[in-house]
Amino acid sequence: MLDMFRRPTDPPEYSYLYGLSGAGMVGSLFAAHMAGVPHIHIMGYLTSSVLCIGAIVCLASQATARTGQTLGSVGVAGALMTTLMACNFAPSVLI
């Protein structure tokens, strides 16, 4: 929907690069959980909440709305992964 407001003179955006860092965050949380790091879910919740708060801040302006949308998606994905880790499922269920 935000592409409706794009002008031909706008510079290119590289929002997909946030996805790489989000995948790195989710992957490192999962690796730390599998390695047995105690209370890693607390760090996952903290990181996800900071990303979601940053998304709300970015959504307040049209100039940064795309960044806010991406930050919110990464934050929610991290929170979902952290919640699955906090439930202490068997590793065979998570994979």
PDB file of N, CA and C in Angstrom:
ATOM      1  N   MET A   1       0.816  -1.185   0.000  1.00  0.00           N
ATOM      2  CA  MET A   1       0.000   0.000   0.000  1.00  0.00           C
ATOM      3  C   MET A   1       0.865   1.256   0.000  1.00  0.00           C
ATOM      4  N   LEU A   2       2.003   1.192   0.654  1.00  0.00           N
ATOM      5  CA  LEU A   2       2.849   2.368   0.708  1.00  0.00           C
ATOM      6  C   LEU A   2       3.488   2.682  -0.640  1.00  0.00           C
ATOM      7  N   ASP A   3       3.477   1.737  -1.566  1.00  0.00           N
ATOM      8  CA  ASP A   3       4.025   2.006  -2.892  1.00  0.00           C
ATOM      9  C   ASP A   3       3.172   2.999  -3.672  1.00  0.00           C
ATOM     10  N   MET A   4       1.946   3.215  -3.256  1.00  0.00           N
ATOM     11  CA  MET A   4       1.098   4.194  -3.937  1.00  0.00           C
ATOM     12  C   MET A   4       1.690   5.596  -3.829  1.00  0.00           C
ATOM     13  N   PHE A   5       2.424   5.854  -2.772  1.00  0.00           N
ATOM     14  CA  PHE A   5       2.948   7.183  -2.525  1.00  0.00           C
ATOM     15  C   PHE A   5       4.387   7.348  -3.005  1.00  0.00           C
ATOM     16  N   ARG A   6       4.907   6.348  -3.680  1.00  0.00           N
ATOM     17  CA  ARG A   6       6.285   6.398  -4.165  1.00  0.00           C
ATOM     18  C   ARG A   6       6.361   7.225  -5.447  1.00  0.00           C
ATOM     19  N   ARG A   7       7.345   8.102  -5.483  1.00  0.00           N
ATOM     20  CA  ARG A   7       7.589   8.909  -6.670  1.00  0.00           C
ATOM     21  C   ARG A   7       8.737   8.279  -7.459  1.00  0.00           C
ATOM     22  N   PRO A   8       8.797   8.498  -8.737  1.00  0.00           N
ATOM     23  CA  PRO A   8       9.911   7.940  -9.525  1.00  0.00           C
ATOM     24  C   PRO A   8      11.272   8.493  -9.115  1.00  0.00           C
ATOM     25  N   THR A   9      11.291   9.640  -8.471  1.00  0.00           N
ATOM     26  CA  THR A   9      12.572  10.243  -8.078  1.00  0.00           C
ATOM     27  C   THR A   9      13.041   9.810  -6.694  1.00  0.00           C
ATOM     28  N   ASP A  10      12.244   9.006  -5.992  1.00  0.00           N
ATOM     29  CA  ASP A  10      12.648   8.543  -4.660  1.00  0.00           C
ATOM     30  C   ASP A  10      13.844   7.600  -4.760  1.00  0.00           C
ATOM     31  N   PRO A  11      14.771   7.668  -3.798  1.00  0.00           N
ATOM     32  CA  PRO A  11      15.918   6.752  -3.830  1.00  0.00           C
ATOM     33  C   PRO A  11      15.471   5.331  -3.502  1.00  0.00           C
ATOM     34  N   PRO A  12      16.231   4.339  -3.926  1.00  0.00           N
ATOM     35  CA  PRO A  12      15.857   2.959  -3.623  1.00  0.00           C
ATOM     36  C   PRO A  12      15.972   2.673  -2.129  1.00  0.00           C
ATOM     37  N   GLU A  13      15.132   1.762  -1.658  1.00  0.00           N
ATOM     38  CA  GLU A  13      15.156   1.374  -0.249  1.00  0.00           C
ATOM     39  C   GLU A  13      15.653  -0.054  -0.134  1.00  0.00           C
ATOM     40  N   TYR A  14      16.327  -0.300   0.938  1.00  0.00           N
ATOM     41  CA  TYR A  14      16.888  -1.618   1.184  1.00  0.00           C
ATOM     42  C   TYR A  14      16.339  -2.175   2.492  1.00  0.00           C
ATOM     43  N   SER A  15      15.027  -2.182   2.624  1.00  0.00           N
ATOM     44  CA  SER A  15      14.391  -2.637   3.859  1.00  0.00           C
ATOM     45  C   SER A  15      14.572  -4.130   4.087  1.00  0.00           C
ATOM     46  N   TYR A  16      14.795  -4.882   3.030  1.00  0.00           N
ATOM     47  CA  TYR A  16      14.955  -6.320   3.187  1.00  0.00           C
ATOM     48  C   TYR A  16      16.216  -6.659   3.999  1.00  0.00           C
ATOM     49  N   LEU A  17      17.154  -5.723   4.111  1.00  0.00           N
ATOM     50  CA  LEU A  17      18.349  -5.989   4.898  1.00  0.00           C
ATOM     51  C   LEU A  17      18.027  -6.103   6.392  1.00  0.00           C
ATOM     52  N   TYR A  18      16.926  -5.484   6.831  1.00  0.00           N
ATOM     53  CA  TYR A  18      16.483  -5.680   8.211  1.00  0.00           C
ATOM     54  C   TYR A  18      16.103  -7.140   8.444  1.00  0.00           C
ATOM     55  N   GLY A  19      15.608  -7.779   7.421  1.00  0.00           N
ATOM     56  CA  GLY A  19      15.253  -9.191   7.529  1.00  0.00           C
ATOM     57  C   GLY A  19      16.460 -10.067   7.803  1.00  0.00           C
ATOM     58  N   LEU A  20      17.595  -9.710   7.239  1.00  0.00           N
ATOM     59  CA  LEU A  20      18.815 -10.470   7.512  1.00  0.00           C
ATOM     60  C   LEU A  20      19.220 -10.372   8.975  1.00  0.00           C
ATOM     61  N   SER A  21      19.149  -9.162   9.518  1.00  0.00           N
ATOM     62  CA  SER A  21      19.495  -9.022  10.937  1.00  0.00           C
ATOM     63  C   SER A  21      18.449  -9.694  11.822  1.00  0.00           C
ATOM     64  N   GLY A  22      17.179  -9.659  11.397  1.00  0.00           N
ATOM     65  CA  GLY A  22      16.135 -10.357  12.145  1.00  0.00           C
ATOM     66  C   GLY A  22      16.334 -11.863  12.130  1.00  0.00           C
ATOM     67  N   ALA A  23      16.715 -12.395  10.970  1.00  0.00           N
ATOM     68  CA  ALA A  23      16.989 -13.831  10.889  1.00  0.00           C
ATOM     69  C   ALA A  23      18.203 -14.190  11.746  1.00  0.00           C
ATOM     70  N   GLY A  24      19.180 -13.288  11.784  1.00  0.00           N
ATOM     71  CA  GLY A  24      20.335 -13.517  12.654  1.00  0.00           C
ATOM     72  C   GLY A  24      19.954 -13.519  14.121  1.00  0.00           C
ATOM     73  N   MET A  25      19.045 -12.617  14.503  1.00  0.00           N
ATOM     74  CA  MET A  25      18.595 -12.559  15.897  1.00  0.00           C
ATOM     75  C   MET A  25      17.848 -13.833  16.272  1.00  0.00           C
ATOM     76  N   VAL A  26      16.910 -14.233  15.426  1.00  0.00           N
ATOM     77  CA  VAL A  26      16.127 -15.432  15.713  1.00  0.00           C
ATOM     78  C   VAL A  26      17.029 -16.665  15.720  1.00  0.00           C
ATOM     79  N   GLY A  27      17.951 -16.729  14.774  1.00  0.00           N
ATOM     80  CA  GLY A  27      18.870 -17.868  14.723  1.00  0.00           C
ATOM     81  C   GLY A  27      19.790 -17.933  15.923  1.00  0.00           C
ATOM     82  N   SER A  28      20.299 -16.792  16.366  1.00  0.00           N
ATOM     83  CA  SER A  28      21.183 -16.803  17.528  1.00  0.00           C
ATOM     84  C   SER A  28      20.427 -17.127  18.812  1.00  0.00           C
ATOM     85  N   LEU A  29      19.175 -16.672  18.912  1.00  0.00           N
ATOM     86  CA  LEU A  29      18.372 -17.055  20.076  1.00  0.00           C
ATOM     87  C   LEU A  29      18.130 -18.561  20.100  1.00  0.00           C
ATOM     88  N   PHE A  30      17.832 -19.121  18.938  1.00  0.00           N
ATOM     89  CA  PHE A  30      17.597 -20.560  18.865  1.00  0.00           C
ATOM     90  C   PHE A  30      18.871 -21.336  19.172  1.00  0.00           C
ATOM     91  N   ALA A  31      20.012 -20.876  18.644  1.00  0.00           N
ATOM     92  CA  ALA A  31      21.277 -21.558  18.906  1.00  0.00           C
ATOM     93  C   ALA A  31      21.646 -21.482  20.389  1.00  0.00           C
ATOM     94  N   ALA A  32      21.410 -20.335  21.010  1.00  0.00           N
ATOM     95  CA  ALA A  32      21.709 -20.206  22.440  1.00  0.00           C
ATOM     96  C   ALA A  32      20.792 -21.106  23.264  1.00  0.00           C
ATOM     97  N   HIS A  33      19.543 -21.215  22.849  1.00  0.00           N
ATOM     98  CA  HIS A  33      18.610 -22.095  23.558  1.00  0.00           C
ATOM     99  C   HIS A  33      19.042 -23.552  23.432  1.00  0.00           C
ATOM    100  N   MET A  34      19.448 -23.942  22.227  1.00  0.00           N
ATOM    101  CA  MET A  34      19.875 -25.323  22.022  1.00  0.00           C
ATOM    102  C   MET A  34      21.184 -25.616  22.756  1.00  0.00           C
ATOM    103  N   ALA A  35      22.021 -24.589  22.958  1.00  0.00           N
ATOM    104  CA  ALA A  35      23.277 -24.769  23.682  1.00  0.00           C
ATOM    105  C   ALA A  35      23.069 -24.802  25.191  1.00  0.00           C
ATOM    106  N   GLY A  36      21.873 -24.455  25.648  1.00  0.00           N
ATOM    107  CA  GLY A  36      21.573 -24.531  27.071  1.00  0.00           C
ATOM    108  C   GLY A  36      21.885 -23.276  27.854  1.00  0.00           C
ATOM    109  N   VAL A  37      21.936 -22.140  27.191  1.00  0.00           N
ATOM    110  CA  VAL A  37      22.183 -20.880  27.902  1.00  0.00           C
ATOM    111  C   VAL A  37      20.974 -20.595  28.800  1.00  0.00           C
ATOM    112  N   PRO A  38      21.199 -20.424  30.107  1.00  0.00           N
ATOM    113  CA  PRO A  38      20.051 -20.216  31.002  1.00  0.00           C
ATOM    114  C   PRO A  38      19.426 -18.835  30.812  1.00  0.00           C
ATOM    115  N   HIS A  39      18.134 -18.792  30.867  1.00  0.00           N
ATOM    116  CA  HIS A  39      17.349 -17.554  30.813  1.00  0.00           C
ATOM    117  C   HIS A  39      17.604 -16.724  29.551  1.00  0.00           C
ATOM    118  N   ILE A  40      17.867 -17.378  28.422  1.00  0.00           N
ATOM    119  CA  ILE A  40      18.079 -16.638  27.178  1.00  0.00           C
ATOM    120  C   ILE A  40      16.775 -16.013  26.699  1.00  0.00           C
ATOM    121  N   HIS A  41      15.651 -16.559  27.130  1.00  0.00           N
ATOM    122  CA  HIS A  41      14.376 -16.004  26.695  1.00  0.00           C
ATOM    123  C   HIS A  41      14.150 -14.587  27.236  1.00  0.00           C
ATOM    124  N   ILE A  42      14.771 -14.254  28.343  1.00  0.00           N
ATOM    125  CA  ILE A  42      14.648 -12.885  28.866  1.00  0.00           C
ATOM    126  C   ILE A  42      15.285 -11.896  27.898  1.00  0.00           C
ATOM    127  N   MET A  43      16.449 -12.239  27.364  1.00  0.00           N
ATOM    128  CA  MET A  43      17.107 -11.368  26.385  1.00  0.00           C
ATOM    129  C   MET A  43      16.292 -11.300  25.092  1.00  0.00           C
ATOM    130  N   GLY A  44      15.673 -12.399  24.713  1.00  0.00           N
ATOM    131  CA  GLY A  44      14.825 -12.392  23.518  1.00  0.00           C
ATOM    132  C   GLY A  44      13.615 -11.488  23.684  1.00  0.00           C
ATOM    133  N   TYR A  45      12.985 -11.551  24.839  1.00  0.00           N
ATOM    134  CA  TYR A  45      11.836 -10.676  25.092  1.00  0.00           C
ATOM    135  C   TYR A  45      12.260  -9.202  25.125  1.00  0.00           C
ATOM    136  N   LEU A  46      13.412  -8.917  25.727  1.00  0.00           N
ATOM    137  CA  LEU A  46      13.892  -7.540  25.790  1.00  0.00           C
ATOM    138  C   LEU A  46      14.161  -6.987  24.391  1.00  0.00           C
ATOM    139  N   THR A  47      14.849  -7.762  23.581  1.00  0.00           N
ATOM    140  CA  THR A  47      15.170  -7.327  22.224  1.00  0.00           C
ATOM    141  C   THR A  47      13.901  -7.127  21.400  1.00  0.00           C
ATOM    142  N   SER A  48      12.971  -8.058  21.508  1.00  0.00           N
ATOM    143  CA  SER A  48      11.729  -7.952  20.749  1.00  0.00           C
ATOM    144  C   SER A  48      10.894  -6.757  21.187  1.00  0.00           C
ATOM    145  N   SER A  49      10.865  -6.494  22.478  1.00  0.00           N
ATOM    146  CA  SER A  49      10.072  -5.354  22.942  1.00  0.00           C
ATOM    147  C   SER A  49      10.692  -4.030  22.509  1.00  0.00           C
ATOM    148  N   VAL A  50      12.017  -3.945  22.506  1.00  0.00           N
ATOM    149  CA  VAL A  50      12.675  -2.723  22.031  1.00  0.00           C
ATOM    150  C   VAL A  50      12.391  -2.514  20.545  1.00  0.00           C
ATOM    151  N   LEU A  51      12.417  -3.588  19.765  1.00  0.00           N
ATOM    152  CA  LEU A  51      12.104  -3.468  18.334  1.00  0.00           C
ATOM    153  C   LEU A  51      10.655  -3.037  18.113  1.00  0.00           C
ATOM    154  N   CYS A  52       9.728  -3.569  18.884  1.00  0.00           N
ATOM    155  CA  CYS A  52       8.318  -3.189  18.718  1.00  0.00           C
ATOM    156  C   CYS A  52       8.077  -1.742  19.149  1.00  0.00           C
ATOM    157  N   ILE A  53       8.728  -1.296  20.203  1.00  0.00           N
ATOM    158  CA  ILE A  53       8.593   0.104  20.612  1.00  0.00           C
ATOM    159  C   ILE A  53       9.208   1.021  19.560  1.00  0.00           C
ATOM    160  N   GLY A  54      10.342   0.614  19.005  1.00  0.00           N
ATOM    161  CA  GLY A  54      10.943   1.388  17.920  1.00  0.00           C
ATOM    162  C   GLY A  54      10.046   1.443  16.699  1.00  0.00           C
ATOM    163  N   ALA A  55       9.309   0.360  16.440  1.00  0.00           N
ATOM    164  CA  ALA A  55       8.377   0.346  15.315  1.00  0.00           C
ATOM    165  C   ALA A  55       7.243   1.338  15.531  1.00  0.00           C
ATOM    166  N   ILE A  56       6.740   1.422  16.748  1.00  0.00           N
ATOM    167  CA  ILE A  56       5.664   2.374  17.040  1.00  0.00           C
ATOM    168  C   ILE A  56       6.157   3.802  16.849  1.00  0.00           C
ATOM    169  N   VAL A  57       7.381   4.058  17.267  1.00  0.00           N
ATOM    170  CA  VAL A  57       7.955   5.397  17.094  1.00  0.00           C
ATOM    171  C   VAL A  57       8.104   5.721  15.614  1.00  0.00           C
ATOM    172  N   CYS A  58       8.576   4.761  14.830  1.00  0.00           N
ATOM    173  CA  CYS A  58       8.780   5.007  13.399  1.00  0.00           C
ATOM    174  C   CYS A  58       7.463   5.141  12.646  1.00  0.00           C
ATOM    175  N   LEU A  59       6.406   4.497  13.109  1.00  0.00           N
ATOM    176  CA  LEU A  59       5.121   4.581  12.422  1.00  0.00           C
ATOM    177  C   LEU A  59       4.437   5.927  12.628  1.00  0.00           C
ATOM    178  N   ALA A  60       4.986   6.766  13.475  1.00  0.00           N
ATOM    179  CA  ALA A  60       4.378   8.070  13.733  1.00  0.00           C
ATOM    180  C   ALA A  60       4.589   9.052  12.586  1.00  0.00           C
ATOM    181  N   SER A  61       5.509   8.765  11.695  1.00  0.00           N
ATOM    182  CA  SER A  61       5.811   9.667  10.587  1.00  0.00           C
ATOM    183  C   SER A  61       5.736   8.900   9.268  1.00  0.00           C
ATOM    184  N   GLN A  62       5.254   9.549   8.231  1.00  0.00           N
ATOM    185  CA  GLN A  62       5.180   8.894   6.928  1.00  0.00           C
ATOM    186  C   GLN A  62       6.563   8.635   6.346  1.00  0.00           C
ATOM    187  N   ALA A  63       7.513   9.453   6.710  1.00  0.00           N
ATOM    188  CA  ALA A  63       8.860   9.292   6.172  1.00  0.00           C
ATOM    189  C   ALA A  63       9.540   8.025   6.685  1.00  0.00           C
ATOM    190  N   THR A  64       9.180   7.582   7.889  1.00  0.00           N
ATOM    191  CA  THR A  64       9.827   6.409   8.475  1.00  0.00           C
ATOM    192  C   THR A  64       8.870   5.230   8.646  1.00  0.00           C
ATOM    193  N   ALA A  65       7.711   5.285   7.987  1.00  0.00           N
ATOM    194  CA  ALA A  65       6.710   4.235   8.169  1.00  0.00           C
ATOM    195  C   ALA A  65       7.184   2.884   7.647  1.00  0.00           C
ATOM    196  N   ARG A  66       7.918   2.875   6.555  1.00  0.00           N
ATOM    197  CA  ARG A  66       8.418   1.599   6.020  1.00  0.00           C
ATOM    198  C   ARG A  66       9.400   0.949   6.989  1.00  0.00           C
ATOM    199  N   THR A  67      10.256   1.742   7.584  1.00  0.00           N
ATOM    200  CA  THR A  67      11.192   1.212   8.565  1.00  0.00           C
ATOM    201  C   THR A  67      10.442   0.685   9.786  1.00  0.00           C
ATOM    202  N   GLY A  68       9.422   1.402  10.211  1.00  0.00           N
ATOM    203  CA  GLY A  68       8.621   0.951  11.352  1.00  0.00           C
ATOM    204  C   GLY A  68       7.918  -0.360  11.081  1.00  0.00           C
ATOM    205  N   GLN A  69       7.427  -0.524   9.885  1.00  0.00           N
ATOM    206  CA  GLN A  69       6.759  -1.777   9.526  1.00  0.00           C
ATOM    207  C   GLN A  69       7.748  -2.943   9.581  1.00  0.00           C
ATOM    208  N   THR A  70       8.937  -2.723   9.085  1.00  0.00           N
ATOM    209  CA  THR A  70       9.942  -3.782   9.086  1.00  0.00           C
ATOM    210  C   THR A  70      10.406  -4.094  10.501  1.00  0.00           C
ATOM    211  N   LEU A  71      10.647  -3.069  11.307  1.00  0.00           N
ATOM    212  CA  LEU A  71      11.069  -3.298  12.691  1.00  0.00           C
ATOM    213  C   LEU A  71      10.003  -4.045  13.478  1.00  0.00           C
ATOM    214  N   GLY A  72       8.740  -3.708  13.246  1.00  0.00           N
ATOM    215  CA  GLY A  72       7.659  -4.413  13.926  1.00  0.00           C
ATOM    216  C   GLY A  72       7.597  -5.882  13.547  1.00  0.00           C
ATOM    217  N   SER A  73       7.796  -6.172  12.279  1.00  0.00           N
ATOM    218  CA  SER A  73       7.772  -7.569  11.823  1.00  0.00           C
ATOM    219  C   SER A  73       8.914  -8.372  12.434  1.00  0.00           C
ATOM    220  N   VAL A  74      10.091  -7.780  12.484  1.00  0.00           N
ATOM    221  CA  VAL A  74      11.241  -8.462  13.085  1.00  0.00           C
ATOM    222  C   VAL A  74      11.020  -8.656  14.589  1.00  0.00           C
ATOM    223  N   GLY A  75      10.462  -7.659  15.252  1.00  0.00           N
ATOM    224  CA  GLY A  75      10.196  -7.774  16.685  1.00  0.00           C
ATOM    225  C   GLY A  75       9.181  -8.854  17.014  1.00  0.00           C
ATOM    226  N   VAL A  76       8.133  -8.945  16.216  1.00  0.00           N
ATOM    227  CA  VAL A  76       7.113  -9.964  16.456  1.00  0.00           C
ATOM    228  C   VAL A  76       7.664 -11.357  16.165  1.00  0.00           C
ATOM    229  N   ALA A  77       8.466 -11.498  15.114  1.00  0.00           N
ATOM    230  CA  ALA A  77       9.075 -12.798  14.814  1.00  0.00           C
ATOM    231  C   ALA A  77      10.001 -13.239  15.950  1.00  0.00           C
ATOM    232  N   GLY A  78      10.766 -12.297  16.491  1.00  0.00           N
ATOM    233  CA  GLY A  78      11.626 -12.627  17.627  1.00  0.00           C
ATOM    234  C   GLY A  78      10.834 -13.000  18.863  1.00  0.00           C
ATOM    235  N   ALA A  79       9.718 -12.317  19.090  1.00  0.00           N
ATOM    236  CA  ALA A  79       8.883 -12.639  20.253  1.00  0.00           C
ATOM    237  C   ALA A  79       8.240 -14.020  20.110  1.00  0.00           C
ATOM    238  N   LEU A  80       7.817 -14.361  18.902  1.00  0.00           N
ATOM    239  CA  LEU A  80       7.239 -15.693  18.691  1.00  0.00           C
ATOM    240  C   LEU A  80       8.275 -16.790  18.917  1.00  0.00           C
ATOM    241  N   MET A  81       9.474 -16.584  18.418  1.00  0.00           N
ATOM    242  CA  MET A  81      10.532 -17.583  18.618  1.00  0.00           C
ATOM    243  C   MET A  81      10.901 -17.686  20.091  1.00  0.00           C
ATOM    244  N   THR A  82      10.966 -16.569  20.785  1.00  0.00           N
ATOM    245  CA  THR A  82      11.299 -16.576  22.208  1.00  0.00           C
ATOM    246  C   THR A  82      10.218 -17.283  23.013  1.00  0.00           C
ATOM    247  N   THR A  83       8.954 -17.073  22.636  1.00  0.00           N
ATOM    248  CA  THR A  83       7.857 -17.745  23.338  1.00  0.00           C
ATOM    249  C   THR A  83       7.936 -19.247  23.144  1.00  0.00           C
ATOM    250  N   LEU A  84       8.258 -19.693  21.943  1.00  0.00           N
ATOM    251  CA  LEU A  84       8.421 -21.129  21.711  1.00  0.00           C
ATOM    252  C   LEU A  84       9.567 -21.694  22.536  1.00  0.00           C
ATOM    253  N   MET A  85      10.653 -20.919  22.674  1.00  0.00           N
ATOM    254  CA  MET A  85      11.780 -21.394  23.475  1.00  0.00           C
ATOM    255  C   MET A  85      11.428 -21.428  24.962  1.00  0.00           C
ATOM    256  N   ALA A  86      10.651 -20.473  25.431  1.00  0.00           N
ATOM    257  CA  ALA A  86      10.309 -20.402  26.857  1.00  0.00           C
ATOM    258  C   ALA A  86       9.368 -21.534  27.263  1.00  0.00           C
ATOM    259  N   CYS A  87       8.668 -22.118  26.309  1.00  0.00           N
ATOM    260  CA  CYS A  87       7.761 -23.232  26.621  1.00  0.00           C
ATOM    261  C   CYS A  87       8.499 -24.531  26.898  1.00  0.00           C
ATOM    262  N   ASN A  88       9.808 -24.570  26.596  1.00  0.00           N
ATOM    263  CA  ASN A  88      10.655 -25.735  26.842  1.00  0.00           C
ATOM    264  C   ASN A  88      10.137 -26.993  26.152  1.00  0.00           C
ATOM    265  N   PHE A  89       9.796 -26.859  24.887  1.00  0.00           N
ATOM    266  CA  PHE A  89       9.461 -28.031  24.089  1.00  0.00           C
ATOM    267  C   PHE A  89      10.719 -28.857  23.864  1.00  0.00           C
ATOM    268  N   ALA A  90      10.540 -30.119  23.523  1.00  0.00           N
ATOM    269  CA  ALA A  90      11.676 -30.961  23.179  1.00  0.00           C
ATOM    270  C   ALA A  90      12.288 -30.446  21.872  1.00  0.00           C
ATOM    271  N   PRO A  91      13.603 -30.571  21.696  1.00  0.00           N
ATOM    272  CA  PRO A  91      14.240 -30.093  20.463  1.00  0.00           C
ATOM    273  C   PRO A  91      13.643 -30.710  19.198  1.00  0.00           C
ATOM    274  N   SER A  92      13.179 -31.939  19.273  1.00  0.00           N
ATOM    275  CA  SER A  92      12.589 -32.566  18.090  1.00  0.00           C
ATOM    276  C   SER A  92      11.288 -31.900  17.681  1.00  0.00           C
ATOM    277  N   VAL A  93      10.576 -31.298  18.611  1.00  0.00           N
ATOM    278  CA  VAL A  93       9.344 -30.594  18.285  1.00  0.00           C
ATOM    279  C   VAL A  93       9.655 -29.259  17.608  1.00  0.00           C
ATOM    280  N   LEU A  94      10.706 -28.567  18.056  1.00  0.00           N
ATOM    281  CA  LEU A  94      11.049 -27.261  17.506  1.00  0.00           C
ATOM    282  C   LEU A  94      11.635 -27.347  16.112  1.00  0.00           C
ATOM    283  N   ILE A  95      12.265 -28.435  15.788  1.00  0.00           N
ATOM    284  CA  ILE A  95      12.897 -28.574  14.466  1.00  0.00           C
ATOM    285  C   ILE A  95      11.939 -29.187  13.550  1.00  0.00           C
TER     286      ILE A  95
END
